[in-house]
Structure formats: C-alpha cells, structure tokens
Amino acid sequence: MAKAIHMMIRVMDEQRSVEFYRQALGLGIADRFVFDSFTLVYLRNPEADFEIELTVNHGRTEPYTLGNGYGHVAVAVDDLDAEHARLAASGFAPEPIKEFHREGALMARFFFLTDPDGYRIEVLQRHGRYR
C-alpha cells in the first residue's frame, strides 16, 4: 500500500519560505540537500511524518506560474480561532473563517492562508474526517 510522504512546491527564496512555514505552521527543517542546480528542503513537525518539500532552483529570477491546476495543501489544528488570531497578529493576513455544512451538520470550519510564493494553505479545525 502507498503512504503519502510529502508534497513538493517550487519556491523563489529559501529563507523566506522556511521562515514562513516555521512561523505560520510550526514546520522545521528535517533535511536539506544541495545539488548543482537546485536545493531540496524538507519541512515537518512532530505532529506528522508528512513533509513539505521546498525545491529551490538556483539562479531562478522569475516567479513561478501556479496556473489553475494547483488547489491547496491542508493542515488541521486544535483551535482554529486561536490559530487565525495568531496568524493575523503575526501579519500573515489569513482569510476569514468559513464553515461548510452538509445535511444540516457541520462538516468543516476553515480558513485559507497564502505563502510567499502564492501557494494556498487550508487550515482546518480538527473535526470529523479532518484529523
């Protein structure tokens, strides 16, 4: 059986991205590998084995075009309201909290956050299937 282990995104500025993910999501560098033309930085925290792989292509000067195929990566937190307030106070400009209801019951509470390269992150309240 397959196990999801990481997702990869291309970023322009390694330090800016590492700092964003550290402050916003509590992710730290698990590994960092420098190659001739690119660097791979793996980020994670003790909550899960799943990682975000930052790929930094050396010498890249133009921002990446995200197109309309990328959606978002999702993370779950224990206290959505506190996390939203913390991120707003830190200057990250999270979008307003929203709720999805299905068949009269709460399915999800969430908000979106955007990283320095334009990637969207869905932050969900731990609830139901979102653990």
Protein backbone atom coordinates (compact mmCIF):
# COMPACT_ATOMS: atom_id res chain seq x y z
CA MET A 1 0.00 0.00 0.00
CA ALA A 2 1.16 3.52 -0.74
CA LYS A 3 1.71 6.07 2.01
CA ALA A 4 1.74 9.81 1.28
CA ILE A 5 5.10 11.17 2.47
CA HIS A 6 5.49 14.67 1.03
CA MET A 7 4.29 17.32 -1.38
CA MET A 8 6.71 19.47 -3.39
CA ILE A 9 6.45 23.15 -4.24
CA ARG A 10 8.96 25.32 -6.08
CA VAL A 11 9.94 28.48 -4.22
CA MET A 12 11.98 31.54 -5.12
CA ASP A 13 13.60 32.39 -1.79
CA GLU A 14 14.57 29.52 0.51
CA GLN A 15 14.99 31.55 3.68
CA ARG A 16 11.74 33.47 3.18
CA SER A 17 9.81 30.22 2.65
CA VAL A 18 11.48 28.35 5.52
CA GLU A 19 10.69 31.25 7.86
CA PHE A 20 7.08 31.48 6.65
CA TYR A 21 6.42 27.77 7.23
CA ARG A 22 8.19 27.89 10.61
CA GLN A 23 6.16 30.84 11.86
CA ALA A 24 2.84 30.00 10.21
CA LEU A 25 2.70 26.21 10.59
CA GLY A 26 5.41 25.29 13.06
CA LEU A 27 7.39 23.33 10.47
CA GLY A 28 11.14 23.00 10.80
CA ILE A 29 13.87 21.74 8.52
CA ALA A 30 14.06 17.94 8.69
CA ASP A 31 16.65 17.64 5.89
CA ARG A 32 18.36 19.89 3.37
CA PHE A 33 20.20 18.66 0.28
CA VAL A 34 22.18 20.95 -2.04
CA PHE A 35 22.77 19.85 -5.64
CA ASP A 36 24.49 21.67 -8.50
CA SER A 37 21.37 23.33 -9.88
CA PHE A 38 18.83 23.06 -7.07
CA THR A 39 18.34 22.60 -3.32
CA LEU A 40 15.73 20.41 -1.62
CA VAL A 41 14.49 21.40 1.82
CA TYR A 42 12.17 19.03 3.70
CA LEU A 43 9.92 20.61 6.35
CA ARG A 44 7.89 18.83 9.03
CA ASN A 45 6.91 18.93 12.70
CA PRO A 46 6.41 16.29 15.40
CA GLU A 47 2.66 16.14 14.68
CA ALA A 48 3.04 14.09 11.48
CA ASP A 49 5.52 12.35 9.20
CA PHE A 50 4.13 14.13 6.11
CA GLU A 51 6.53 16.76 4.80
CA ILE A 52 6.53 19.79 2.54
CA GLU A 53 9.46 19.65 0.14
CA LEU A 54 10.67 23.07 -0.96
CA THR A 55 12.56 22.98 -4.26
CA VAL A 56 14.80 25.97 -4.86
CA ASN A 57 16.14 26.13 -8.42
CA HIS A 58 19.45 28.00 -8.28
CA GLY A 59 19.57 31.14 -10.41
CA ARG A 60 15.81 31.36 -10.90
CA THR A 61 14.76 35.01 -11.14
CA GLU A 62 11.18 34.84 -12.42
CA PRO A 63 8.33 33.85 -10.09
CA TYR A 64 6.67 30.53 -10.88
CA THR A 65 3.31 30.47 -12.60
CA LEU A 66 0.96 28.43 -10.45
CA GLY A 67 -1.64 28.07 -13.19
CA ASN A 68 -5.13 26.88 -12.39
CA GLY A 69 -4.29 23.28 -11.53
CA TYR A 70 -2.89 23.73 -8.03
CA GLY A 71 -5.51 23.85 -5.30
CA HIS A 72 -4.04 23.83 -1.81
CA VAL A 73 -2.39 21.83 0.91
CA ALA A 74 -4.42 21.34 4.10
CA VAL A 75 -3.39 21.22 7.75
CA ALA A 76 -5.53 20.56 10.83
CA VAL A 77 -5.28 22.46 14.13
CA ASP A 78 -6.86 22.03 17.56
CA ASP A 79 -8.08 25.62 17.97
CA LEU A 80 -8.95 27.29 14.66
CA ASP A 81 -9.97 30.61 16.20
CA ALA A 82 -6.74 30.94 18.19
CA GLU A 83 -4.66 29.98 15.16
CA HIS A 84 -6.47 32.51 12.98
CA ALA A 85 -5.90 35.24 15.59
CA ARG A 86 -2.22 34.30 15.97
CA LEU A 87 -1.60 34.38 12.23
CA ALA A 88 -3.43 37.70 11.84
CA ALA A 89 -1.45 39.23 14.72
CA SER A 90 1.76 37.99 13.05
CA GLY A 91 0.89 39.82 9.82
CA PHE A 92 0.10 36.77 7.67
CA ALA A 93 -3.37 38.05 6.61
CA PRO A 94 -5.41 34.84 6.86
CA GLU A 95 -8.73 34.91 5.01
CA PRO A 96 -11.95 34.92 7.08
CA ILE A 97 -13.05 31.71 8.80
CA LYS A 98 -15.72 29.82 6.85
CA GLU A 99 -17.95 26.85 7.59
CA PHE A 100 -19.26 24.03 5.42
CA HIS A 101 -22.47 22.30 6.46
CA ARG A 102 -23.77 19.10 4.94
CA GLU A 103 -27.18 17.62 5.64
CA GLY A 104 -27.65 20.10 8.49
CA ALA A 105 -24.40 19.20 10.28
CA LEU A 106 -21.07 21.00 10.46
CA MET A 107 -18.66 19.36 8.05
CA ALA A 108 -15.73 21.76 8.33
CA ARG A 109 -14.51 25.07 9.79
CA PHE A 110 -11.52 26.52 7.96
CA PHE A 111 -9.67 29.47 6.55
CA PHE A 112 -7.05 29.95 3.87
CA LEU A 113 -3.57 31.39 4.12
CA THR A 114 -1.20 32.18 1.24
CA ASP A 115 2.55 31.55 1.38
CA PRO A 116 5.17 33.96 -0.07
CA ASP A 117 5.09 32.22 -3.47
CA GLY A 118 1.30 32.27 -3.78
CA TYR A 119 0.54 28.70 -2.67
CA ARG A 120 -2.71 28.41 -0.74
CA ILE A 121 -2.91 26.57 2.57
CA GLU A 122 -6.21 25.46 4.06
CA VAL A 123 -6.20 25.49 7.86
CA LEU A 124 -8.98 23.28 9.24
CA GLN A 125 -10.38 22.79 12.74
CA ARG A 126 -9.78 19.18 13.81
CA HIS A 127 -13.25 17.73 13.41
CA GLY A 128 -14.84 14.71 11.80
CA ARG A 129 -12.70 13.45 8.95
CA TYR A 130 -10.20 16.29 9.32
CA ARG A 131 -7.81 14.97 11.94
